[in-house]
PDB file of all heavy atoms in Angstrom:
ATOM      1  N   ASN A   1      16.485  -2.792  -1.268  1.00  0.00           N
ATOM      2  CA  ASN A   1      16.264  -1.758  -2.287  1.00  0.00           C
ATOM      3  C   ASN A   1      15.155  -0.800  -1.869  1.00  0.00           C
ATOM      4  O   ASN A   1      15.245   0.406  -2.093  1.00  0.00           O
ATOM      5  CB  ASN A   1      15.908  -2.411  -3.631  1.00  0.00           C
ATOM      6  CG  ASN A   1      17.119  -3.056  -4.284  1.00  0.00           C
ATOM      7  OD1 ASN A   1      18.251  -2.607  -4.087  1.00  0.00           O
ATOM      8  ND2 ASN A   1      16.894  -4.110  -5.049  1.00  0.00           N
ATOM      9  N   GLU A   2      14.090  -1.344  -1.246  1.00  0.00           N
ATOM     10  CA  GLU A   2      12.980  -0.500  -0.832  1.00  0.00           C
ATOM     11  C   GLU A   2      13.423   0.495   0.229  1.00  0.00           C
ATOM     12  O   GLU A   2      13.079   1.689   0.168  1.00  0.00           O
ATOM     13  CB  GLU A   2      11.818  -1.340  -0.306  1.00  0.00           C
ATOM     14  CG  GLU A   2      10.600  -0.506   0.073  1.00  0.00           C
ATOM     15  CD  GLU A   2       9.416  -1.341   0.539  1.00  0.00           C
ATOM     16  OE1 GLU A   2       9.583  -2.569   0.710  1.00  0.00           O
ATOM     17  OE2 GLU A   2       8.334  -0.759   0.740  1.00  0.00           O
ATOM     18  N   ALA A   3      14.210   0.020   1.202  1.00  0.00           N
ATOM     19  CA  ALA A   3      14.683   0.909   2.264  1.00  0.00           C
ATOM     20  C   ALA A   3      15.566   2.007   1.689  1.00  0.00           C
ATOM     21  O   ALA A   3      15.446   3.180   2.069  1.00  0.00           O
ATOM     22  CB  ALA A   3      15.449   0.118   3.318  1.00  0.00           C
ATOM     23  N   ARG A   4      16.440   1.635   0.749  1.00  0.00           N
ATOM     24  CA  ARG A   4      17.336   2.635   0.155  1.00  0.00           C
ATOM     25  C   ARG A   4      16.526   3.712  -0.570  1.00  0.00           C
ATOM     26  O   ARG A   4      16.802   4.906  -0.458  1.00  0.00           O
ATOM     27  CB  ARG A   4      18.310   1.950  -0.800  1.00  0.00           C
ATOM     28  CG  ARG A   4      19.433   2.872  -1.278  1.00  0.00           C
ATOM     29  CD  ARG A   4      20.417   2.156  -2.192  1.00  0.00           C
ATOM     30  NE  ARG A   4      21.130   1.099  -1.472  1.00  0.00           N
ATOM     31  CZ  ARG A   4      20.916  -0.208  -1.667  1.00  0.00           C
ATOM     32  NH1 ARG A   4      20.019  -0.604  -2.528  1.00  0.00           N
ATOM     33  NH2 ARG A   4      21.584  -1.098  -0.979  1.00  0.00           N
ATOM     34  N   GLN A   5      15.505   3.278  -1.316  1.00  0.00           N
ATOM     35  CA  GLN A   5      14.657   4.225  -2.040  1.00  0.00           C
ATOM     36  C   GLN A   5      13.911   5.141  -1.070  1.00  0.00           C
ATOM     37  O   GLN A   5      13.825   6.359  -1.280  1.00  0.00           O
ATOM     38  CB  GLN A   5      13.653   3.471  -2.923  1.00  0.00           C
ATOM     39  CG  GLN A   5      14.295   2.753  -4.104  1.00  0.00           C
ATOM     40  CD  GLN A   5      13.309   1.873  -4.844  1.00  0.00           C
ATOM     41  OE1 GLN A   5      12.113   1.832  -4.526  1.00  0.00           O
ATOM     42  NE2 GLN A   5      13.803   1.134  -5.830  1.00  0.00           N
ATOM     43  N   LYS A   6      13.363   4.553  -0.006  1.00  0.00           N
ATOM     44  CA  LYS A   6      12.603   5.344   0.964  1.00  0.00           C
ATOM     45  C   LYS A   6      13.511   6.331   1.697  1.00  0.00           C
ATOM     46  O   LYS A   6      13.147   7.486   1.922  1.00  0.00           O
ATOM     47  CB  LYS A   6      11.910   4.418   1.975  1.00  0.00           C
ATOM     48  CG  LYS A   6      10.805   3.541   1.382  1.00  0.00           C
ATOM     49  CD  LYS A   6       9.579   4.347   1.053  1.00  0.00           C
ATOM     50  CE  LYS A   6       8.469   3.516   0.455  1.00  0.00           C
ATOM     51  NZ  LYS A   6       7.892   2.535   1.378  1.00  0.00           N
ATOM     52  N   PHE A   7      14.706   5.882   2.092  1.00  0.00           N
ATOM     53  CA  PHE A   7      15.635   6.775   2.793  1.00  0.00           C
ATOM     54  C   PHE A   7      16.050   7.948   1.903  1.00  0.00           C
ATOM     55  O   PHE A   7      16.122   9.093   2.353  1.00  0.00           O
ATOM     56  CB  PHE A   7      16.885   6.004   3.236  1.00  0.00           C
ATOM     57  CG  PHE A   7      16.659   5.042   4.371  1.00  0.00           C
ATOM     58  CD1 PHE A   7      17.480   3.943   4.551  1.00  0.00           C
ATOM     59  CD2 PHE A   7      15.614   5.238   5.273  1.00  0.00           C
ATOM     60  CE1 PHE A   7      17.279   3.057   5.602  1.00  0.00           C
ATOM     61  CE2 PHE A   7      15.408   4.359   6.331  1.00  0.00           C
ATOM     62  CZ  PHE A   7      16.235   3.263   6.491  1.00  0.00           C
ATOM     63  N   ASN A   8      16.311   7.659   0.631  1.00  0.00           N
ATOM     64  CA  ASN A   8      16.712   8.726  -0.286  1.00  0.00           C
ATOM     65  C   ASN A   8      15.583   9.718  -0.535  1.00  0.00           C
ATOM     66  O   ASN A   8      15.818  10.911  -0.730  1.00  0.00           O
ATOM     67  CB  ASN A   8      17.181   8.127  -1.622  1.00  0.00           C
ATOM     68  CG  ASN A   8      18.624   7.647  -1.563  1.00  0.00           C
ATOM     69  OD1 ASN A   8      19.477   8.316  -0.969  1.00  0.00           O
ATOM     70  ND2 ASN A   8      18.907   6.501  -2.145  1.00  0.00           N
ATOM     71  N   LYS A   9      14.346   9.222  -0.511  1.00  0.00           N
ATOM     72  CA  LYS A   9      13.192  10.082  -0.783  1.00  0.00           C
ATOM     73  C   LYS A   9      12.834  10.937   0.431  1.00  0.00           C
ATOM     74  O   LYS A   9      12.633  12.146   0.324  1.00  0.00           O
ATOM     75  CB  LYS A   9      12.000   9.226  -1.196  1.00  0.00           C
ATOM     76  CG  LYS A   9      10.743  10.017  -1.505  1.00  0.00           C
ATOM     77  CD  LYS A   9       9.622   9.095  -1.949  1.00  0.00           C
ATOM     78  CE  LYS A   9       8.358   9.895  -2.289  1.00  0.00           C
ATOM     79  NZ  LYS A   9       7.247   9.004  -2.733  1.00  0.00           N
ATOM     80  N   ILE A  10      12.770  10.310   1.602  1.00  0.00           N
ATOM     81  CA  ILE A  10      12.296  11.003   2.802  1.00  0.00           C
ATOM     82  C   ILE A  10      13.429  11.710   3.542  1.00  0.00           C
ATOM     83  O   ILE A  10      13.209  12.733   4.193  1.00  0.00           O
ATOM     84  CB  ILE A  10      11.556  10.001   3.724  1.00  0.00           C
ATOM     85  CG1 ILE A  10      10.299   9.488   2.998  1.00  0.00           C
ATOM     86  CG2 ILE A  10      11.196  10.621   5.065  1.00  0.00           C
ATOM     87  CD1 ILE A  10       9.560   8.393   3.722  1.00  0.00           C
ATOM     88  N   ARG A  11      14.665  11.201   3.403  1.00  0.00           N
ATOM     89  CA  ARG A  11      15.821  11.783   4.077  1.00  0.00           C
ATOM     90  C   ARG A  11      15.567  11.927   5.575  1.00  0.00           C
ATOM     91  O   ARG A  11      15.463  13.032   6.120  1.00  0.00           O
ATOM     92  CB  ARG A  11      16.184  13.160   3.494  1.00  0.00           C
ATOM     93  CG  ARG A  11      16.341  13.231   1.992  1.00  0.00           C
ATOM     94  CD  ARG A  11      17.444  12.354   1.451  1.00  0.00           C
ATOM     95  NE  ARG A  11      18.748  12.656   2.019  1.00  0.00           N
ATOM     96  CZ  ARG A  11      19.872  11.980   1.711  1.00  0.00           C
ATOM     97  NH1 ARG A  11      19.810  10.965   0.849  1.00  0.00           N
ATOM     98  NH2 ARG A  11      21.010  12.295   2.255  1.00  0.00           N
ATOM     99  N   PRO A  12      15.430  10.812   6.307  1.00  0.00           N
ATOM    100  CA  PRO A  12      15.139  10.890   7.745  1.00  0.00           C
ATOM    101  C   PRO A  12      16.236  11.626   8.503  1.00  0.00           C
ATOM    102  O   PRO A  12      17.420  11.518   8.176  1.00  0.00           O
ATOM    103  CB  PRO A  12      15.065   9.413   8.164  1.00  0.00           C
ATOM    104  CG  PRO A  12      15.856   8.673   7.135  1.00  0.00           C
ATOM    105  CD  PRO A  12      15.634   9.422   5.854  1.00  0.00           C
ATOM    106  N   HIS A  13      15.820  12.363   9.528  1.00  0.00           N
ATOM    107  CA  HIS A  13      16.766  13.149  10.327  1.00  0.00           C
ATOM    108  C   HIS A  13      17.420  12.333  11.430  1.00  0.00           C
ATOM    109  O   HIS A  13      18.514  12.650  11.875  1.00  0.00           O
ATOM    110  CB  HIS A  13      16.057  14.357  10.947  1.00  0.00           C
ATOM    111  CG  HIS A  13      15.569  15.340   9.929  1.00  0.00           C
ATOM    112  ND1 HIS A  13      16.403  16.000   9.070  1.00  0.00           N
ATOM    113  CD2 HIS A  13      14.313  15.758   9.626  1.00  0.00           C
ATOM    114  CE1 HIS A  13      15.699  16.801   8.282  1.00  0.00           C
ATOM    115  NE2 HIS A  13      14.430  16.669   8.590  1.00  0.00           N
ATOM    116  N   THR A  14      16.703  11.301  11.905  1.00  0.00           N
ATOM    117  CA  THR A  14      17.221  10.483  13.010  1.00  0.00           C
ATOM    118  C   THR A  14      16.960   9.005  12.725  1.00  0.00           C
ATOM    119  O   THR A  14      16.147   8.655  11.866  1.00  0.00           O
ATOM    120  CB  THR A  14      16.549  10.851  14.339  1.00  0.00           C
ATOM    121  OG1 THR A  14      15.163  10.466  14.274  1.00  0.00           O
ATOM    122  CG2 THR A  14      16.662  12.336  14.633  1.00  0.00           C
ATOM    123  N   LEU A  15      17.635   8.151  13.484  1.00  0.00           N
ATOM    124  CA  LEU A  15      17.387   6.711  13.364  1.00  0.00           C
ATOM    125  C   LEU A  15      15.963   6.373  13.787  1.00  0.00           C
ATOM    126  O   LEU A  15      15.342   5.455  13.252  1.00  0.00           O
ATOM    127  CB  LEU A  15      18.389   5.934  14.226  1.00  0.00           C
ATOM    128  CG  LEU A  15      19.722   5.585  13.563  1.00  0.00           C
ATOM    129  CD1 LEU A  15      20.635   4.897  14.560  1.00  0.00           C
ATOM    130  CD2 LEU A  15      19.511   4.706  12.343  1.00  0.00           C
ATOM    131  N   GLY A  16      15.444   7.116  14.769  1.00  0.00           N
ATOM    132  CA  GLY A  16      14.065   6.888  15.190  1.00  0.00           C
ATOM    133  C   GLY A  16      13.101   7.118  14.053  1.00  0.00           C
ATOM    134  O   GLY A  16      12.192   6.317  13.814  1.00  0.00           O
ATOM    135  N   GLN A  17      13.279   8.226  13.326  1.00  0.00           N
ATOM    136  CA  GLN A  17      12.415   8.495  12.187  1.00  0.00           C
ATOM    137  C   GLN A  17      12.599   7.424  11.121  1.00  0.00           C
ATOM    138  O   GLN A  17      11.621   6.942  10.527  1.00  0.00           O
ATOM    139  CB  GLN A  17      12.719   9.873  11.593  1.00  0.00           C
ATOM    140  CG  GLN A  17      11.792  10.240  10.437  1.00  0.00           C
ATOM    141  CD  GLN A  17      12.206  11.491   9.687  1.00  0.00           C
ATOM    142  OE1 GLN A  17      13.126  12.184  10.102  1.00  0.00           O
ATOM    143  NE2 GLN A  17      11.539  11.764   8.585  1.00  0.00           N
ATOM    144  N   ALA A  18      13.825   7.020  10.854  1.00  0.00           N
ATOM    145  CA  ALA A  18      14.093   5.984   9.849  1.00  0.00           C
ATOM    146  C   ALA A  18      13.363   4.686  10.177  1.00  0.00           C
ATOM    147  O   ALA A  18      12.850   4.006   9.287  1.00  0.00           O
ATOM    148  CB  ALA A  18      15.601   5.737   9.752  1.00  0.00           C
ATOM    149  N   SER A  19      13.288   4.363  11.474  1.00  0.00           N
ATOM    150  CA  SER A  19      12.653   3.103  11.884  1.00  0.00           C
ATOM    151  C   SER A  19      11.147   3.109  11.661  1.00  0.00           C
ATOM    152  O   SER A  19      10.519   2.045  11.628  1.00  0.00           O
ATOM    153  CB  SER A  19      12.952   2.826  13.366  1.00  0.00           C
ATOM    154  OG  SER A  19      12.262   3.744  14.199  1.00  0.00           O
ATOM    155  N   ARG A  20      10.535   4.301  11.516  1.00  0.00           N
ATOM    156  CA  ARG A  20       9.078   4.385  11.373  1.00  0.00           C
ATOM    157  C   ARG A  20       8.621   4.543   9.930  1.00  0.00           C
ATOM    158  O   ARG A  20       7.423   4.645   9.671  1.00  0.00           O
ATOM    159  CB  ARG A  20       8.545   5.552  12.218  1.00  0.00           C
ATOM    160  CG  ARG A  20       8.744   5.365  13.713  1.00  0.00           C
ATOM    161  CD  ARG A  20       7.995   6.421  14.510  1.00  0.00           C
ATOM    162  NE  ARG A  20       8.486   7.762  14.253  1.00  0.00           N
ATOM    163  CZ  ARG A  20       9.526   8.315  14.864  1.00  0.00           C
ATOM    164  NH1 ARG A  20      10.210   7.622  15.760  1.00  0.00           N
ATOM    165  NH2 ARG A  20       9.914   9.559  14.583  1.00  0.00           N
ATOM    166  N   ILE A  21       9.551   4.575   8.999  1.00  0.00           N
ATOM    167  CA  ILE A  21       9.172   4.749   7.597  1.00  0.00           C
ATOM    168  C   ILE A  21       8.540   3.464   7.081  1.00  0.00           C
ATOM    169  O   ILE A  21       9.068   2.364   7.272  1.00  0.00           O
ATOM    170  CB  ILE A  21      10.397   5.141   6.751  1.00  0.00           C
ATOM    171  CG1 ILE A  21      10.910   6.513   7.185  1.00  0.00           C
ATOM    172  CG2 ILE A  21      10.055   5.140   5.256  1.00  0.00           C
ATOM    173  CD1 ILE A  21      12.203   6.931   6.511  1.00  0.00           C
ATOM    174  N   SER A  22       7.394   3.604   6.428  1.00  0.00           N
ATOM    175  CA  SER A  22       6.687   2.446   5.893  1.00  0.00           C
ATOM    176  C   SER A  22       7.567   1.708   4.884  1.00  0.00           C
ATOM    177  O   SER A  22       8.157   2.313   3.993  1.00  0.00           O
ATOM    178  CB  SER A  22       5.396   2.908   5.208  1.00  0.00           C
ATOM    179  OG  SER A  22       4.705   1.824   4.654  1.00  0.00           O
ATOM    180  N   GLY A  23       7.659   0.381   5.048  1.00  0.00           N
ATOM    181  CA  GLY A  23       8.461  -0.431   4.131  1.00  0.00           C
ATOM    182  C   GLY A  23       9.879  -0.673   4.603  1.00  0.00           C
ATOM    183  O   GLY A  23      10.613  -1.454   3.991  1.00  0.00           O
ATOM    184  N   VAL A  24      10.287  -0.011   5.688  1.00  0.00           N
ATOM    185  CA  VAL A  24      11.628  -0.198   6.241  1.00  0.00           C
ATOM    186  C   VAL A  24      11.571  -1.279   7.316  1.00  0.00           C
ATOM    187  O   VAL A  24      10.766  -1.198   8.244  1.00  0.00           O
ATOM    188  CB  VAL A  24      12.168   1.122   6.826  1.00  0.00           C
ATOM    189  CG1 VAL A  24      13.468   0.892   7.581  1.00  0.00           C
ATOM    190  CG2 VAL A  24      12.361   2.147   5.710  1.00  0.00           C
ATOM    191  N   ASN A  25      12.437  -2.279   7.197  1.00  0.00           N
ATOM    192  CA  ASN A  25      12.458  -3.391   8.147  1.00  0.00           C
ATOM    193  C   ASN A  25      13.436  -3.122   9.292  1.00  0.00           C
ATOM    194  O   ASN A  25      14.374  -2.328   9.138  1.00  0.00           O
ATOM    195  CB  ASN A  25      12.882  -4.682   7.432  1.00  0.00           C
ATOM    196  CG  ASN A  25      11.898  -5.080   6.348  1.00  0.00           C
ATOM    197  OD1 ASN A  25      10.691  -5.028   6.553  1.00  0.00           O
ATOM    198  ND2 ASN A  25      12.423  -5.467   5.192  1.00  0.00           N
ATOM    199  N   PRO A  26      13.234  -3.794  10.440  1.00  0.00           N
ATOM    200  CA  PRO A  26      14.187  -3.638  11.549  1.00  0.00           C
ATOM    201  C   PRO A  26      15.629  -3.929  11.145  1.00  0.00           C
ATOM    202  O   PRO A  26      16.559  -3.287  11.647  1.00  0.00           O
ATOM    203  CB  PRO A  26      13.674  -4.649  12.589  1.00  0.00           C
ATOM    204  CG  PRO A  26      12.205  -4.761  12.302  1.00  0.00           C
ATOM    205  CD  PRO A  26      12.078  -4.624  10.820  1.00  0.00           C
ATOM    206  N   SER A  27      15.824  -4.886  10.223  1.00  0.00           N
ATOM    207  CA  SER A  27      17.187  -5.210   9.789  1.00  0.00           C
ATOM    208  C   SER A  27      17.830  -4.034   9.061  1.00  0.00           C
ATOM    209  O   SER A  27      19.044  -3.805   9.175  1.00  0.00           O
ATOM    210  CB  SER A  27      17.168  -6.446   8.873  1.00  0.00           C
ATOM    211  OG  SER A  27      16.335  -6.215   7.747  1.00  0.00           O
ATOM    212  N   ASP A  28      17.017  -3.266   8.321  1.00  0.00           N
ATOM    213  CA  ASP A  28      17.547  -2.079   7.639  1.00  0.00           C
ATOM    214  C   ASP A  28      18.030  -1.045   8.655  1.00  0.00           C
ATOM    215  O   ASP A  28      19.066  -0.400   8.455  1.00  0.00           O
ATOM    216  CB  ASP A  28      16.467  -1.461   6.746  1.00  0.00           C
ATOM    217  CG  ASP A  28      16.043  -2.365   5.607  1.00  0.00           C
ATOM    218  OD1 ASP A  28      16.928  -2.979   4.985  1.00  0.00           O
ATOM    219  OD2 ASP A  28      14.828  -2.467   5.350  1.00  0.00           O
ATOM    220  N   VAL A  29      17.254  -0.899   9.727  1.00  0.00           N
ATOM    221  CA  VAL A  29      17.632   0.055  10.771  1.00  0.00           C
ATOM    222  C   VAL A  29      18.907  -0.410  11.469  1.00  0.00           C
ATOM    223  O   VAL A  29      19.790   0.397  11.783  1.00  0.00           O
ATOM    224  CB  VAL A  29      16.482   0.238  11.791  1.00  0.00           C
ATOM    225  CG1 VAL A  29      16.888   1.213  12.891  1.00  0.00           C
ATOM    226  CG2 VAL A  29      15.231   0.732  11.089  1.00  0.00           C
ATOM    227  N   GLN A  30      19.016  -1.714  11.699  1.00  0.00           N
ATOM    228  CA  GLN A  30      20.225  -2.254  12.332  1.00  0.00           C
ATOM    229  C   GLN A  30      21.458  -2.000  11.465  1.00  0.00           C
ATOM    230  O   GLN A  30      22.522  -1.611  11.968  1.00  0.00           O
ATOM    231  CB  GLN A  30      20.054  -3.769  12.563  1.00  0.00           C
ATOM    232  CG  GLN A  30      19.035  -4.135  13.614  1.00  0.00           C
ATOM    233  CD  GLN A  30      19.507  -3.823  15.026  1.00  0.00           C
ATOM    234  OE1 GLN A  30      20.698  -3.634  15.263  1.00  0.00           O
ATOM    235  NE2 GLN A  30      18.571  -3.764  15.970  1.00  0.00           N
ATOM    236  N   ILE A  31      21.311  -2.185  10.157  1.00  0.00           N
ATOM    237  CA  ILE A  31      22.433  -1.934   9.236  1.00  0.00           C
ATOM    238  C   ILE A  31      22.844  -0.472   9.311  1.00  0.00           C
ATOM    239  O   ILE A  31      24.034  -0.142   9.385  1.00  0.00           O
ATOM    240  CB  ILE A  31      22.026  -2.323   7.800  1.00  0.00           C
ATOM    241  CG1 ILE A  31      21.867  -3.842   7.698  1.00  0.00           C
ATOM    242  CG2 ILE A  31      23.045  -1.819   6.781  1.00  0.00           C
ATOM    243  CD1 ILE A  31      21.170  -4.291   6.437  1.00  0.00           C
ATOM    244  N   LEU A  32      21.857   0.403   9.307  1.00  0.00           N
ATOM    245  CA  LEU A  32      22.127   1.839   9.385  1.00  0.00           C
ATOM    246  C   LEU A  32      22.797   2.195  10.707  1.00  0.00           C
ATOM    247  O   LEU A  32      23.746   2.984  10.756  1.00  0.00           O
ATOM    248  CB  LEU A  32      20.802   2.601   9.234  1.00  0.00           C
ATOM    249  CG  LEU A  32      20.859   4.104   8.970  1.00  0.00           C
ATOM    250  CD1 LEU A  32      21.671   4.398   7.713  1.00  0.00           C
ATOM    251  CD2 LEU A  32      19.447   4.648   8.818  1.00  0.00           C
ATOM    252  N   MET A  33      22.329   1.576  11.776  1.00  0.00           N
ATOM    253  CA  MET A  33      22.879   1.845  13.104  1.00  0.00           C
ATOM    254  C   MET A  33      24.340   1.391  13.193  1.00  0.00           C
ATOM    255  O   MET A  33      25.204   2.111  13.720  1.00  0.00           O
ATOM    256  CB  MET A  33      22.045   1.122  14.158  1.00  0.00           C
ATOM    257  CG  MET A  33      22.394   1.475  15.603  1.00  0.00           C
ATOM    258  SD  MET A  33      21.427   0.518  16.794  1.00  0.00           S
ATOM    259  CE  MET A  33      19.758   0.976  16.343  1.00  0.00           C
ATOM    260  N   VAL A  34      24.626   0.212  12.656  1.00  0.00           N
ATOM    261  CA  VAL A  34      26.002  -0.310  12.694  1.00  0.00           C
ATOM    262  C   VAL A  34      26.932   0.587  11.890  1.00  0.00           C
ATOM    263  O   VAL A  34      28.039   0.938  12.333  1.00  0.00           O
ATOM    264  CB  VAL A  34      26.031  -1.758  12.139  1.00  0.00           C
ATOM    265  CG1 VAL A  34      27.475  -2.209  11.920  1.00  0.00           C
ATOM    266  CG2 VAL A  34      25.326  -2.701  13.099  1.00  0.00           C
ATOM    267  N   TYR A  35      26.488   0.991  10.703  1.00  0.00           N
ATOM    268  CA  TYR A  35      27.327   1.834   9.851  1.00  0.00           C
ATOM    269  C   TYR A  35      27.614   3.174  10.522  1.00  0.00           C
ATOM    270  O   TYR A  35      28.749   3.663  10.507  1.00  0.00           O
ATOM    271  CB  TYR A  35      26.644   2.056   8.501  1.00  0.00           C
ATOM    272  CG  TYR A  35      27.532   2.748   7.491  1.00  0.00           C
ATOM    273  CD1 TYR A  35      28.391   2.011   6.681  1.00  0.00           C
ATOM    274  CD2 TYR A  35      27.527   4.131   7.378  1.00  0.00           C
ATOM    275  CE1 TYR A  35      29.213   2.635   5.764  1.00  0.00           C
ATOM    276  CE2 TYR A  35      28.347   4.771   6.469  1.00  0.00           C
ATOM    277  CZ  TYR A  35      29.190   4.028   5.655  1.00  0.00           C
ATOM    278  OH  TYR A  35      30.004   4.654   4.755  1.00  0.00           O
ATOM    279  N   MET A  36      26.584   3.762  11.120  1.00  0.00           N
ATOM    280  CA  MET A  36      26.761   5.054  11.790  1.00  0.00           C
ATOM    281  C   MET A  36      27.655   4.893  13.011  1.00  0.00           C
ATOM    282  O   MET A  36      28.437   5.787  13.352  1.00  0.00           O
ATOM    283  CB  MET A  36      25.406   5.635  12.184  1.00  0.00           C
ATOM    284  CG  MET A  36      24.611   6.150  10.993  1.00  0.00           C
ATOM    285  SD  MET A  36      23.057   6.899  11.507  1.00  0.00           S
ATOM    286  CE  MET A  36      23.668   8.293  12.445  1.00  0.00           C
ATOM    287  N   GLY A  37      27.541   3.735  13.689  1.00  0.00           N
ATOM    288  CA  GLY A  37      28.395   3.474  14.841  1.00  0.00           C
ATOM    289  C   GLY A  37      29.859   3.433  14.456  1.00  0.00           C
ATOM    290  O   GLY A  37      30.740   3.860  15.204  1.00  0.00           O
ATOM    291  N   ARG A  38      30.144   2.921  13.257  1.00  0.00           N
ATOM    292  CA  ARG A  38      31.518   2.898  12.779  1.00  0.00           C
ATOM    293  C   ARG A  38      32.036   4.291  12.478  1.00  0.00           C
ATOM    294  O   ARG A  38      33.220   4.559  12.546  1.00  0.00           O
ATOM    295  CB  ARG A  38      31.592   2.032  11.507  1.00  0.00           C
ATOM    296  CG  ARG A  38      31.375   0.549  11.784  1.00  0.00           C
ATOM    297  CD  ARG A  38      31.330  -0.216  10.466  1.00  0.00           C
ATOM    298  NE  ARG A  38      31.082  -1.637  10.668  1.00  0.00           N
ATOM    299  CZ  ARG A  38      30.810  -2.488   9.694  1.00  0.00           C
ATOM    300  NH1 ARG A  38      30.732  -2.051   8.441  1.00  0.00           N
ATOM    301  NH2 ARG A  38      30.608  -3.745   9.943  1.00  0.00           N
TER     302      ARG A  38
END
């Protein structure tokens, strides 16, 4: 839930930026990466 809130608020431009957002875990980035890969 925290990652979803942070992503919606900050609207990262890249996966790299998403990975550096405070409160976002590596697993959240992996989920995002897998979904985008699909």
